[in-house]
């Protein structure tokens, strides 16, 4: 084996390692910026824990109301349902499957029951 072949292999290996480390670092940074996906059951069980925080929920739209692209829709992920105040993406129709990112806001509680936990939408993915 010649020295050139050996050195060429080292360069390729070092380049591969550098690319791998950079790719891994980029992936970690991107994932660190994404809000966690949370089950609606957890949000409904302890809304104070999530109030003011950005989360992502995913599920099926079961109900929606809107006028001129503004309104609200209810999303169900199989663990519970949550009302979402639609952002500038419009109001989806019932049956649509999507993921929604936004901030949890609380309304009022009466006799230990929460009546207005909502997600104010900031991003949507189908």
N, C-alpha and C. Protein backbone atom coordinates (compact mmCIF):
# COMPACT_ATOMS: atom_id res chain seq x y z
N UNK A 1 0.85 -1.17 0.00
CA UNK A 1 0.00 0.00 0.00
C UNK A 1 0.90 1.23 0.00
N UNK A 2 0.60 2.19 -0.87
CA UNK A 2 1.43 3.39 -0.97
C UNK A 2 1.00 4.41 0.08
N UNK A 3 1.89 5.34 0.33
CA UNK A 3 1.63 6.41 1.30
C UNK A 3 0.50 7.32 0.82
N UNK A 4 0.43 7.54 -0.52
CA UNK A 4 -0.63 8.39 -1.07
C UNK A 4 -2.01 7.79 -0.81
N UNK A 5 -2.13 6.48 -1.01
CA UNK A 5 -3.42 5.82 -0.76
C UNK A 5 -3.80 5.91 0.71
N UNK A 6 -2.82 5.72 1.57
CA UNK A 6 -3.07 5.78 3.00
C UNK A 6 -3.50 7.19 3.41
N UNK A 7 -2.79 8.22 2.95
CA UNK A 7 -3.13 9.60 3.28
C UNK A 7 -4.47 10.00 2.67
N UNK A 8 -4.75 9.54 1.46
CA UNK A 8 -6.04 9.83 0.83
C UNK A 8 -7.18 9.28 1.66
N UNK A 9 -6.99 8.09 2.20
CA UNK A 9 -8.01 7.48 3.06
C UNK A 9 -8.22 8.25 4.34
N UNK A 10 -7.14 8.80 4.89
CA UNK A 10 -7.25 9.59 6.11
C UNK A 10 -8.01 10.87 5.85
N UNK A 11 -7.74 11.53 4.73
CA UNK A 11 -8.43 12.77 4.39
C UNK A 11 -9.92 12.50 4.23
N UNK A 12 -10.28 11.46 3.52
CA UNK A 12 -11.68 11.11 3.32
C UNK A 12 -12.34 10.82 4.66
N UNK A 13 -11.66 10.07 5.51
CA UNK A 13 -12.22 9.74 6.81
C UNK A 13 -12.41 11.00 7.65
N UNK A 14 -11.44 11.91 7.64
CA UNK A 14 -11.56 13.15 8.40
C UNK A 14 -12.68 14.01 7.84
N UNK A 15 -12.81 14.10 6.52
CA UNK A 15 -13.90 14.88 5.92
C UNK A 15 -15.25 14.28 6.31
N UNK A 16 -15.33 12.98 6.30
CA UNK A 16 -16.59 12.31 6.67
C UNK A 16 -16.94 12.61 8.11
N UNK A 17 -15.94 12.58 8.98
CA UNK A 17 -16.19 12.87 10.40
C UNK A 17 -16.65 14.32 10.59
N UNK A 18 -15.99 15.24 9.89
CA UNK A 18 -16.35 16.65 10.01
C UNK A 18 -17.79 16.87 9.54
N UNK A 19 -18.15 16.29 8.41
CA UNK A 19 -19.51 16.42 7.89
C UNK A 19 -20.51 15.80 8.86
N UNK A 20 -20.17 14.64 9.42
CA UNK A 20 -21.06 13.98 10.37
C UNK A 20 -21.28 14.82 11.62
N UNK A 21 -20.20 15.37 12.16
CA UNK A 21 -20.31 16.19 13.36
C UNK A 21 -21.12 17.45 13.08
N UNK A 22 -20.87 18.09 11.94
CA UNK A 22 -21.64 19.30 11.59
C UNK A 22 -23.12 18.97 11.40
N UNK A 23 -23.42 17.86 10.74
CA UNK A 23 -24.81 17.46 10.53
C UNK A 23 -25.52 17.19 11.85
N UNK A 24 -24.84 16.48 12.73
CA UNK A 24 -25.42 16.18 14.04
C UNK A 24 -25.66 17.46 14.84
N UNK A 25 -24.70 18.37 14.82
CA UNK A 25 -24.85 19.64 15.53
C UNK A 25 -26.03 20.44 14.99
N UNK A 26 -26.16 20.50 13.68
CA UNK A 26 -27.27 21.21 13.06
C UNK A 26 -28.61 20.59 13.46
N UNK A 27 -28.68 19.25 13.43
CA UNK A 27 -29.92 18.57 13.80
C UNK A 27 -30.31 18.85 15.24
N UNK A 28 -29.34 18.84 16.15
CA UNK A 28 -29.60 19.11 17.56
C UNK A 28 -30.11 20.54 17.74
N UNK A 29 -29.48 21.49 17.05
CA UNK A 29 -29.91 22.89 17.16
C UNK A 29 -31.33 23.08 16.62
N UNK A 30 -31.66 22.43 15.51
CA UNK A 30 -32.99 22.55 14.95
C UNK A 30 -34.04 21.94 15.87
N UNK A 31 -33.73 20.78 16.42
CA UNK A 31 -34.69 20.11 17.30
C UNK A 31 -34.85 20.85 18.62
N UNK A 32 -33.81 21.50 19.08
CA UNK A 32 -33.89 22.25 20.33
C UNK A 32 -34.84 23.43 20.20
N UNK A 33 -35.02 23.95 18.98
CA UNK A 33 -35.90 25.08 18.76
C UNK A 33 -37.35 24.70 18.57
N UNK A 34 -37.65 23.43 18.42
CA UNK A 34 -39.02 22.98 18.19
C UNK A 34 -39.72 22.76 19.52
N UNK A 35 -40.95 23.25 19.65
CA UNK A 35 -41.67 22.98 20.89
C UNK A 35 -42.05 21.51 20.95
N UNK A 36 -42.16 20.97 22.14
CA UNK A 36 -42.47 19.56 22.28
C UNK A 36 -43.90 19.24 21.86
N UNK A 37 -44.10 18.06 21.30
CA UNK A 37 -45.46 17.60 21.00
C UNK A 37 -46.03 17.04 22.29
N UNK A 38 -47.19 17.53 22.66
CA UNK A 38 -47.82 17.17 23.92
C UNK A 38 -49.19 16.59 23.64
N UNK A 39 -49.59 15.57 24.41
CA UNK A 39 -50.93 15.03 24.24
C UNK A 39 -51.94 16.04 24.81
N UNK A 40 -53.08 16.11 24.20
CA UNK A 40 -54.12 17.02 24.66
C UNK A 40 -54.59 16.63 26.06
N UNK A 41 -54.56 15.35 26.36
CA UNK A 41 -54.93 14.88 27.70
C UNK A 41 -54.05 15.55 28.75
N UNK A 42 -52.75 15.62 28.52
CA UNK A 42 -51.83 16.26 29.48
C UNK A 42 -52.14 17.74 29.64
N UNK A 43 -52.44 18.41 28.54
CA UNK A 43 -52.77 19.84 28.60
C UNK A 43 -54.05 20.05 29.39
N UNK A 44 -55.08 19.25 29.10
CA UNK A 44 -56.36 19.40 29.78
C UNK A 44 -56.28 19.01 31.26
N UNK A 45 -55.40 18.07 31.59
CA UNK A 45 -55.26 17.62 32.97
C UNK A 45 -54.57 18.67 33.83
N UNK A 46 -53.59 19.37 33.26
CA UNK A 46 -52.84 20.37 34.03
C UNK A 46 -52.54 21.59 33.16
N UNK A 47 -53.58 22.37 32.81
CA UNK A 47 -53.39 23.49 31.90
C UNK A 47 -52.45 24.57 32.44
N UNK A 48 -52.39 24.73 33.74
CA UNK A 48 -51.51 25.74 34.33
C UNK A 48 -50.04 25.47 34.03
N UNK A 49 -49.70 24.21 33.91
CA UNK A 49 -48.31 23.83 33.60
C UNK A 49 -47.90 24.30 32.21
N UNK A 50 -48.86 24.34 31.30
CA UNK A 50 -48.57 24.69 29.90
C UNK A 50 -48.96 26.12 29.54
N UNK A 51 -49.64 26.82 30.45
CA UNK A 51 -50.10 28.18 30.16
C UNK A 51 -48.93 29.08 29.78
N UNK A 52 -49.08 29.77 28.66
CA UNK A 52 -48.05 30.67 28.18
C UNK A 52 -46.90 29.99 27.47
N UNK A 53 -46.93 28.68 27.38
CA UNK A 53 -45.84 27.94 26.73
C UNK A 53 -46.25 27.53 25.32
N UNK A 54 -45.24 27.41 24.47
CA UNK A 54 -45.49 26.97 23.10
C UNK A 54 -45.40 25.44 23.04
N UNK A 55 -46.44 24.84 22.46
CA UNK A 55 -46.50 23.38 22.32
C UNK A 55 -47.01 23.05 20.92
N UNK A 56 -46.86 21.78 20.58
CA UNK A 56 -47.41 21.26 19.32
C UNK A 56 -48.37 20.14 19.65
N UNK A 57 -49.55 20.15 19.04
CA UNK A 57 -50.50 19.05 19.14
C UNK A 57 -50.84 18.60 17.72
N UNK A 58 -51.22 17.34 17.60
CA UNK A 58 -51.58 16.81 16.29
C UNK A 58 -52.82 15.94 16.44
N UNK A 59 -53.68 15.99 15.45
CA UNK A 59 -54.89 15.19 15.50
C UNK A 59 -55.83 15.52 14.36
N UNK A 60 -57.09 15.22 14.59
CA UNK A 60 -58.13 15.39 13.57
C UNK A 60 -59.08 16.51 14.00
N UNK A 61 -59.41 17.38 13.06
CA UNK A 61 -60.36 18.46 13.33
C UNK A 61 -61.76 17.84 13.43
N UNK A 62 -62.42 18.06 14.57
CA UNK A 62 -63.75 17.50 14.78
C UNK A 62 -64.86 18.53 14.69
N UNK A 63 -64.51 19.80 14.78
CA UNK A 63 -65.50 20.86 14.70
C UNK A 63 -64.79 22.15 14.33
N UNK A 64 -65.46 23.04 13.62
CA UNK A 64 -64.83 24.32 13.28
C UNK A 64 -65.89 25.38 13.02
N UNK A 65 -65.51 26.61 13.34
CA UNK A 65 -66.37 27.77 13.12
C UNK A 65 -65.50 28.89 12.59
N UNK A 66 -65.97 29.57 11.56
CA UNK A 66 -65.17 30.67 11.05
C UNK A 66 -65.94 31.58 10.12
N UNK A 67 -65.42 32.80 10.02
CA UNK A 67 -65.95 33.80 9.12
C UNK A 67 -64.76 34.52 8.50
N UNK A 68 -64.72 34.57 7.17
CA UNK A 68 -63.65 35.26 6.45
C UNK A 68 -62.26 34.82 6.87
N UNK A 69 -62.09 33.51 7.06
CA UNK A 69 -60.78 32.96 7.38
C UNK A 69 -60.37 33.06 8.84
N UNK A 70 -61.18 33.65 9.67
CA UNK A 70 -60.90 33.75 11.10
C UNK A 70 -61.89 32.89 11.86
N UNK A 71 -61.45 32.34 12.99
CA UNK A 71 -62.36 31.53 13.78
C UNK A 71 -61.61 30.57 14.66
N UNK A 72 -62.26 29.46 14.96
CA UNK A 72 -61.69 28.46 15.85
C UNK A 72 -62.06 27.07 15.36
N UNK A 73 -61.24 26.11 15.76
CA UNK A 73 -61.55 24.72 15.45
C UNK A 73 -61.14 23.84 16.62
N UNK A 74 -61.82 22.70 16.74
CA UNK A 74 -61.52 21.76 17.81
C UNK A 74 -60.74 20.60 17.22
N UNK A 75 -59.61 20.27 17.85
CA UNK A 75 -58.77 19.18 17.38
C UNK A 75 -58.76 18.07 18.43
N UNK A 76 -58.83 16.83 17.98
CA UNK A 76 -58.86 15.66 18.86
C UNK A 76 -57.70 14.75 18.48
N UNK A 77 -56.85 14.44 19.46
CA UNK A 77 -55.70 13.57 19.18
C UNK A 77 -55.90 12.14 19.67
N UNK A 78 -57.12 11.80 20.08
CA UNK A 78 -57.40 10.46 20.58
C UNK A 78 -57.30 10.39 22.10
N UNK A 79 -56.66 11.39 22.73
CA UNK A 79 -56.58 11.43 24.20
C UNK A 79 -57.48 12.51 24.77
N UNK A 80 -57.95 13.41 23.90
CA UNK A 80 -58.80 14.51 24.34
C UNK A 80 -58.96 15.51 23.21
N UNK A 81 -59.71 16.56 23.47
CA UNK A 81 -59.97 17.58 22.46
C UNK A 81 -59.58 18.95 23.02
N UNK A 82 -59.21 19.86 22.10
CA UNK A 82 -58.76 21.19 22.48
C UNK A 82 -59.19 22.17 21.40
N UNK A 83 -59.69 23.34 21.83
CA UNK A 83 -60.05 24.38 20.88
C UNK A 83 -58.82 25.17 20.49
N UNK A 84 -58.71 25.47 19.21
CA UNK A 84 -57.58 26.21 18.65
C UNK A 84 -58.11 27.49 18.01
N UNK A 85 -57.55 28.63 18.40
CA UNK A 85 -57.88 29.89 17.73
C UNK A 85 -57.03 29.96 16.48
N UNK A 86 -57.70 29.96 15.33
CA UNK A 86 -56.99 29.91 14.05
C UNK A 86 -56.16 31.17 13.85
N UNK A 87 -54.95 30.98 13.34
CA UNK A 87 -54.09 32.10 13.00
C UNK A 87 -54.39 32.54 11.58
N UNK A 88 -53.39 32.97 10.87
CA UNK A 88 -53.59 33.46 9.50
C UNK A 88 -53.67 32.33 8.47
N UNK A 89 -53.80 31.09 8.93
CA UNK A 89 -53.90 29.94 8.03
C UNK A 89 -55.34 29.61 7.65
N UNK A 90 -56.29 30.32 8.24
CA UNK A 90 -57.70 30.03 7.99
C UNK A 90 -58.21 28.93 8.90
N UNK A 91 -59.47 28.60 8.74
CA UNK A 91 -60.10 27.58 9.58
C UNK A 91 -60.25 26.30 8.76
N UNK A 92 -59.64 25.20 9.20
CA UNK A 92 -59.76 23.95 8.44
C UNK A 92 -61.15 23.35 8.61
N UNK A 93 -61.52 22.51 7.68
CA UNK A 93 -62.83 21.87 7.80
C UNK A 93 -62.74 20.61 8.64
N UNK A 94 -63.88 20.18 9.16
CA UNK A 94 -63.94 18.97 9.97
C UNK A 94 -63.40 17.79 9.17
N UNK A 95 -62.63 16.94 9.84
CA UNK A 95 -62.05 15.77 9.20
C UNK A 95 -60.60 15.95 8.78
N UNK A 96 -60.12 17.20 8.72
CA UNK A 96 -58.73 17.45 8.34
C UNK A 96 -57.80 16.93 9.43
N UNK A 97 -56.70 16.31 9.01
CA UNK A 97 -55.67 15.85 9.95
C UNK A 97 -54.50 16.80 9.85
N UNK A 98 -54.06 17.31 11.02
CA UNK A 98 -52.98 18.29 11.00
C UNK A 98 -52.27 18.38 12.33
N UNK A 99 -51.13 19.05 12.31
CA UNK A 99 -50.38 19.38 13.52
C UNK A 99 -50.40 20.89 13.67
N UNK A 100 -50.57 21.35 14.89
CA UNK A 100 -50.68 22.78 15.17
C UNK A 100 -49.69 23.15 16.27
N UNK A 101 -48.97 24.23 16.02
CA UNK A 101 -48.06 24.78 17.03
C UNK A 101 -48.65 26.09 17.51
N UNK A 102 -48.55 26.33 18.81
CA UNK A 102 -49.05 27.59 19.33
C UNK A 102 -48.85 27.70 20.82
N UNK A 103 -49.41 28.75 21.38
CA UNK A 103 -49.29 29.02 22.82
C UNK A 103 -50.57 28.68 23.54
N UNK A 104 -50.43 28.00 24.66
CA UNK A 104 -51.58 27.64 25.48
C UNK A 104 -52.01 28.86 26.29
N UNK A 105 -53.30 29.14 26.26
CA UNK A 105 -53.86 30.22 27.06
C UNK A 105 -55.02 29.66 27.88
N UNK A 106 -55.15 30.18 29.09
CA UNK A 106 -56.22 29.73 29.98
C UNK A 106 -57.29 30.78 30.11
N UNK A 107 -58.51 30.31 30.24
CA UNK A 107 -59.64 31.20 30.46
C UNK A 107 -59.99 31.22 31.93
N UNK A 108 -61.04 30.52 32.27
CA UNK A 108 -61.46 30.54 33.67
C UNK A 108 -61.77 29.13 34.16
N UNK A 109 -61.72 28.98 35.47
CA UNK A 109 -62.00 27.71 36.12
C UNK A 109 -63.15 27.91 37.09
N UNK A 110 -64.09 26.98 37.08
CA UNK A 110 -65.24 27.05 37.97
C UNK A 110 -65.39 25.71 38.66
N UNK A 111 -65.35 25.69 39.95
CA UNK A 111 -65.47 24.48 40.76
C UNK A 111 -64.49 23.40 40.27
N UNK A 112 -63.25 23.81 40.04
CA UNK A 112 -62.22 22.87 39.64
C UNK A 112 -62.26 22.42 38.20
N UNK A 113 -63.19 22.94 37.41
CA UNK A 113 -63.29 22.54 36.00
C UNK A 113 -62.86 23.69 35.10
N UNK A 114 -61.97 23.39 34.18
CA UNK A 114 -61.44 24.40 33.29
C UNK A 114 -62.34 24.52 32.07
N UNK A 115 -62.80 25.72 31.78
CA UNK A 115 -63.73 25.93 30.69
C UNK A 115 -63.15 26.62 29.47
N UNK A 116 -61.91 27.04 29.53
CA UNK A 116 -61.43 27.78 28.37
C UNK A 116 -59.92 27.66 28.16
N UNK A 117 -59.43 26.46 28.11
CA UNK A 117 -58.04 26.28 27.73
C UNK A 117 -58.01 26.20 26.21
N UNK A 118 -57.24 27.07 25.62
CA UNK A 118 -57.17 27.12 24.15
C UNK A 118 -55.72 27.16 23.70
N UNK A 119 -55.53 26.87 22.44
CA UNK A 119 -54.23 26.98 21.80
C UNK A 119 -54.32 28.09 20.80
N UNK A 120 -53.52 29.14 20.93
CA UNK A 120 -53.50 30.23 19.95
C UNK A 120 -52.46 29.85 18.89
N UNK A 121 -52.95 29.53 17.70
CA UNK A 121 -52.13 28.97 16.63
C UNK A 121 -51.07 29.94 16.12
N UNK A 122 -49.84 29.42 15.95
CA UNK A 122 -48.76 30.19 15.34
C UNK A 122 -48.22 29.50 14.09
N UNK A 123 -48.45 28.19 13.97
CA UNK A 123 -47.98 27.44 12.79
C UNK A 123 -48.84 26.19 12.63
N UNK A 124 -48.99 25.76 11.38
CA UNK A 124 -49.79 24.57 11.08
C UNK A 124 -49.10 23.72 10.02
N UNK A 125 -49.21 22.40 10.20
CA UNK A 125 -48.70 21.44 9.19
C UNK A 125 -49.73 20.37 8.95
N UNK A 126 -49.86 20.00 7.71
CA UNK A 126 -50.79 18.91 7.37
C UNK A 126 -50.05 17.61 7.28
